[in-house]
Amino acid sequence: MALFSRDLGIDLGTISTRIAEGDQVILREPTVVAVHLQQQKIVEIGQEA
């Protein structure tokens, strides 16, 4: 799969982030990021956050 493809869609929604290839959703995760404020570092993303 090429890095940029016309068949790849990314939806950065307010509740869920979805990535689709063609007509198939290949990733669906909550749009959430956990940040360690003192270290200014992202510690988790998606469901794990």
PDB file of N, CA and C in Angstrom:
ATOM      1  N   MET A   1       0.846  -1.180   0.000  1.00  0.00           N
ATOM      2  CA  MET A   1       0.000   0.000   0.000  1.00  0.00           C
ATOM      3  C   MET A   1       0.887   1.236   0.000  1.00  0.00           C
ATOM      4  N   ALA A   2       0.611   2.160  -0.867  1.00  0.00           N
ATOM      5  CA  ALA A   2       1.351   3.418  -0.940  1.00  0.00           C
ATOM      6  C   ALA A   2       1.013   4.299   0.255  1.00  0.00           C
ATOM      7  N   LEU A   3       1.932   5.203   0.584  1.00  0.00           N
ATOM      8  CA  LEU A   3       1.699   6.107   1.707  1.00  0.00           C
ATOM      9  C   LEU A   3       0.485   6.987   1.450  1.00  0.00           C
ATOM     10  N   PHE A   4       0.368   7.506   0.243  1.00  0.00           N
ATOM     11  CA  PHE A   4      -0.795   8.309  -0.125  1.00  0.00           C
ATOM     12  C   PHE A   4      -1.590   7.546  -1.169  1.00  0.00           C
ATOM     13  N   SER A   5      -2.853   7.350  -0.889  1.00  0.00           N
ATOM     14  CA  SER A   5      -3.706   6.565  -1.767  1.00  0.00           C
ATOM     15  C   SER A   5      -5.070   7.212  -1.859  1.00  0.00           C
ATOM     16  N   ARG A   6      -5.684   7.134  -2.994  1.00  0.00           N
ATOM     17  CA  ARG A   6      -7.029   7.685  -3.159  1.00  0.00           C
ATOM     18  C   ARG A   6      -8.071   6.837  -2.449  1.00  0.00           C
ATOM     19  N   ASP A   7      -7.727   5.635  -2.073  1.00  0.00           N
ATOM     20  CA  ASP A   7      -8.671   4.731  -1.423  1.00  0.00           C
ATOM     21  C   ASP A   7      -8.611   4.791   0.098  1.00  0.00           C
ATOM     22  N   LEU A   8      -7.798   5.679   0.664  1.00  0.00           N
ATOM     23  CA  LEU A   8      -7.647   5.771   2.109  1.00  0.00           C
ATOM     24  C   LEU A   8      -8.354   7.017   2.607  1.00  0.00           C
ATOM     25  N   GLY A   9      -9.229   6.836   3.590  1.00  0.00           N
ATOM     26  CA  GLY A   9      -9.951   7.971   4.163  1.00  0.00           C
ATOM     27  C   GLY A   9      -9.704   8.053   5.656  1.00  0.00           C
ATOM     28  N   ILE A  10      -9.489   9.270   6.164  1.00  0.00           N
ATOM     29  CA  ILE A  10      -9.265   9.496   7.590  1.00  0.00           C
ATOM     30  C   ILE A  10     -10.314  10.474   8.090  1.00  0.00           C
ATOM     31  N   ASP A  11     -11.039  10.079   9.128  1.00  0.00           N
ATOM     32  CA  ASP A  11     -12.069  10.918   9.740  1.00  0.00           C
ATOM     33  C   ASP A  11     -11.655  11.191  11.176  1.00  0.00           C
ATOM     34  N   LEU A  12     -11.184  12.406  11.451  1.00  0.00           N
ATOM     35  CA  LEU A  12     -10.795  12.797  12.809  1.00  0.00           C
ATOM     36  C   LEU A  12     -12.002  13.428  13.482  1.00  0.00           C
ATOM     37  N   GLY A  13     -12.916  12.603  13.910  1.00  0.00           N
ATOM     38  CA  GLY A  13     -14.149  13.080  14.524  1.00  0.00           C
ATOM     39  C   GLY A  13     -13.947  13.504  15.965  1.00  0.00           C
ATOM     40  N   THR A  14     -14.984  14.095  16.546  1.00  0.00           N
ATOM     41  CA  THR A  14     -14.889  14.559  17.926  1.00  0.00           C
ATOM     42  C   THR A  14     -15.003  13.417  18.930  1.00  0.00           C
ATOM     43  N   ILE A  15     -15.629  12.326  18.540  1.00  0.00           N
ATOM     44  CA  ILE A  15     -15.773  11.168  19.431  1.00  0.00           C
ATOM     45  C   ILE A  15     -14.882  10.016  18.978  1.00  0.00           C
ATOM     46  N   SER A  16     -14.874   9.723  17.696  1.00  0.00           N
ATOM     47  CA  SER A  16     -14.094   8.603  17.167  1.00  0.00           C
ATOM     48  C   SER A  16     -13.253   9.041  15.981  1.00  0.00           C
ATOM     49  N   THR A  17     -12.060   8.453  15.891  1.00  0.00           N
ATOM     50  CA  THR A  17     -11.217   8.597  14.712  1.00  0.00           C
ATOM     51  C   THR A  17     -11.356   7.312  13.921  1.00  0.00           C
ATOM     52  N   ARG A  18     -11.622   7.449  12.628  1.00  0.00           N
ATOM     53  CA  ARG A  18     -11.781   6.270  11.780  1.00  0.00           C
ATOM     54  C   ARG A  18     -10.852   6.381  10.588  1.00  0.00           C
ATOM     55  N   ILE A  19     -10.289   5.244  10.215  1.00  0.00           N
ATOM     56  CA  ILE A  19      -9.499   5.150   8.997  1.00  0.00           C
ATOM     57  C   ILE A  19     -10.124   4.051   8.160  1.00  0.00           C
ATOM     58  N   ALA A  20     -10.400   4.381   6.909  1.00  0.00           N
ATOM     59  CA  ALA A  20     -11.024   3.422   6.004  1.00  0.00           C
ATOM     60  C   ALA A  20     -10.155   3.256   4.766  1.00  0.00           C
ATOM     61  N   GLU A  21     -10.094   2.026   4.298  1.00  0.00           N
ATOM     62  CA  GLU A  21      -9.419   1.719   3.047  1.00  0.00           C
ATOM     63  C   GLU A  21     -10.481   1.189   2.102  1.00  0.00           C
ATOM     64  N   GLY A  22     -10.710   1.930   1.036  1.00  0.00           N
ATOM     65  CA  GLY A  22     -11.826   1.592   0.162  1.00  0.00           C
ATOM     66  C   GLY A  22     -13.119   1.764   0.927  1.00  0.00           C
ATOM     67  N   ASP A  23     -13.948   0.739   0.978  1.00  0.00           N
ATOM     68  CA  ASP A  23     -15.208   0.823   1.722  1.00  0.00           C
ATOM     69  C   ASP A  23     -15.145   0.074   3.053  1.00  0.00           C
ATOM     70  N   GLN A  24     -13.938  -0.301   3.497  1.00  0.00           N
ATOM     71  CA  GLN A  24     -13.772  -1.062   4.738  1.00  0.00           C
ATOM     72  C   GLN A  24     -13.080  -0.209   5.801  1.00  0.00           C
ATOM     73  N   VAL A  25     -13.701  -0.098   6.985  1.00  0.00           N
ATOM     74  CA  VAL A  25     -13.086   0.609   8.109  1.00  0.00           C
ATOM     75  C   VAL A  25     -12.017  -0.311   8.697  1.00  0.00           C
ATOM     76  N   ILE A  26     -10.758   0.168   8.733  1.00  0.00           N
ATOM     77  CA  ILE A  26      -9.660  -0.657   9.239  1.00  0.00           C
ATOM     78  C   ILE A  26      -9.208  -0.232  10.634  1.00  0.00           C
ATOM     79  N   LEU A  27      -9.651   0.951  11.096  1.00  0.00           N
ATOM     80  CA  LEU A  27      -9.332   1.396  12.449  1.00  0.00           C
ATOM     81  C   LEU A  27     -10.450   2.287  12.945  1.00  0.00           C
ATOM     82  N   ARG A  28     -10.907   2.028  14.159  1.00  0.00           N
ATOM     83  CA  ARG A  28     -11.891   2.889  14.817  1.00  0.00           C
ATOM     84  C   ARG A  28     -11.477   2.993  16.277  1.00  0.00           C
ATOM     85  N   GLU A  29     -11.063   4.182  16.694  1.00  0.00           N
ATOM     86  CA  GLU A  29     -10.574   4.420  18.055  1.00  0.00           C
ATOM     87  C   GLU A  29     -11.202   5.699  18.589  1.00  0.00           C
ATOM     88  N   PRO A  30     -11.362   5.799  19.896  1.00  0.00           N
ATOM     89  CA  PRO A  30     -11.815   7.066  20.471  1.00  0.00           C
ATOM     90  C   PRO A  30     -10.792   8.169  20.175  1.00  0.00           C
ATOM     91  N   THR A  31     -11.281   9.369  19.923  1.00  0.00           N
ATOM     92  CA  THR A  31     -10.401  10.510  19.680  1.00  0.00           C
ATOM     93  C   THR A  31      -9.995  11.084  21.032  1.00  0.00           C
ATOM     94  N   VAL A  32      -8.975  10.447  21.644  1.00  0.00           N
ATOM     95  CA  VAL A  32      -8.515  10.816  22.985  1.00  0.00           C
ATOM     96  C   VAL A  32      -6.992  10.713  23.022  1.00  0.00           C
ATOM     97  N   VAL A  33      -6.367  11.668  23.704  1.00  0.00           N
ATOM     98  CA  VAL A  33      -4.922  11.632  23.925  1.00  0.00           C
ATOM     99  C   VAL A  33      -4.672  11.913  25.399  1.00  0.00           C
ATOM    100  N   ALA A  34      -3.875  11.078  26.059  1.00  0.00           N
ATOM    101  CA  ALA A  34      -3.477  11.311  27.449  1.00  0.00           C
ATOM    102  C   ALA A  34      -2.069  11.900  27.448  1.00  0.00           C
ATOM    103  N   VAL A  35      -1.905  13.019  28.163  1.00  0.00           N
ATOM    104  CA  VAL A  35      -0.631  13.736  28.175  1.00  0.00           C
ATOM    105  C   VAL A  35      -0.123  13.844  29.609  1.00  0.00           C
ATOM    106  N   HIS A  36       1.164  13.569  29.802  1.00  0.00           N
ATOM    107  CA  HIS A  36       1.821  13.808  31.090  1.00  0.00           C
ATOM    108  C   HIS A  36       2.245  15.274  31.071  1.00  0.00           C
ATOM    109  N   LEU A  37       1.564  16.101  31.855  1.00  0.00           N
ATOM    110  CA  LEU A  37       1.760  17.547  31.773  1.00  0.00           C
ATOM    111  C   LEU A  37       3.151  17.988  32.208  1.00  0.00           C
ATOM    112  N   GLN A  38       3.690  17.396  33.257  1.00  0.00           N
ATOM    113  CA  GLN A  38       5.013  17.808  33.729  1.00  0.00           C
ATOM    114  C   GLN A  38       6.111  17.465  32.727  1.00  0.00           C
ATOM    115  N   GLN A  39       5.982  16.324  32.074  1.00  0.00           N
ATOM    116  CA  GLN A  39       6.981  15.908  31.081  1.00  0.00           C
ATOM    117  C   GLN A  39       6.653  16.422  29.684  1.00  0.00           C
ATOM    118  N   GLN A  40       5.460  16.979  29.508  1.00  0.00           N
ATOM    119  CA  GLN A  40       4.975  17.438  28.204  1.00  0.00           C
ATOM    120  C   GLN A  40       5.150  16.332  27.154  1.00  0.00           C
ATOM    121  N   LYS A  41       4.599  15.165  27.490  1.00  0.00           N
ATOM    122  CA  LYS A  41       4.773  13.979  26.662  1.00  0.00           C
ATOM    123  C   LYS A  41       3.442  13.253  26.507  1.00  0.00           C
ATOM    124  N   ILE A  42       3.154  12.798  25.298  1.00  0.00           N
ATOM    125  CA  ILE A  42       1.976  11.964  25.056  1.00  0.00           C
ATOM    126  C   ILE A  42       2.272  10.577  25.612  1.00  0.00           C
ATOM    127  N   VAL A  43       1.380  10.080  26.467  1.00  0.00           N
ATOM    128  CA  VAL A  43       1.607   8.775  27.089  1.00  0.00           C
ATOM    129  C   VAL A  43       0.682   7.687  26.551  1.00  0.00           C
ATOM    130  N   GLU A  44      -0.504   8.037  26.086  1.00  0.00           N
ATOM    131  CA  GLU A  44      -1.438   7.063  25.513  1.00  0.00           C
ATOM    132  C   GLU A  44      -2.305   7.760  24.476  1.00  0.00           C
ATOM    133  N   ILE A  45      -2.801   6.982  23.529  1.00  0.00           N
ATOM    134  CA  ILE A  45      -3.757   7.502  22.553  1.00  0.00           C
ATOM    135  C   ILE A  45      -4.871   6.485  22.364  1.00  0.00           C
ATOM    136  N   GLY A  46      -6.008   6.954  21.888  1.00  0.00           N
ATOM    137  CA  GLY A  46      -7.117   6.066  21.572  1.00  0.00           C
ATOM    138  C   GLY A  46      -7.707   5.372  22.780  1.00  0.00           C
ATOM    139  N   GLN A  47      -8.067   4.111  22.609  1.00  0.00           N
ATOM    140  CA  GLN A  47      -8.734   3.327  23.650  1.00  0.00           C
ATOM    141  C   GLN A  47      -7.900   3.241  24.928  1.00  0.00           C
ATOM    142  N   GLU A  48      -6.581   3.144  24.818  1.00  0.00           N
ATOM    143  CA  GLU A  48      -5.710   3.015  25.986  1.00  0.00           C
ATOM    144  C   GLU A  48      -5.705   4.272  26.846  1.00  0.00           C
ATOM    145  N   ALA A  49      -5.983   5.430  26.250  1.00  0.00           N
ATOM    146  CA  ALA A  49      -5.998   6.690  27.011  1.00  0.00           C
ATOM    147  C   ALA A  49      -7.217   6.728  27.904  1.00  0.00           C
TER     148      ALA A  49
END
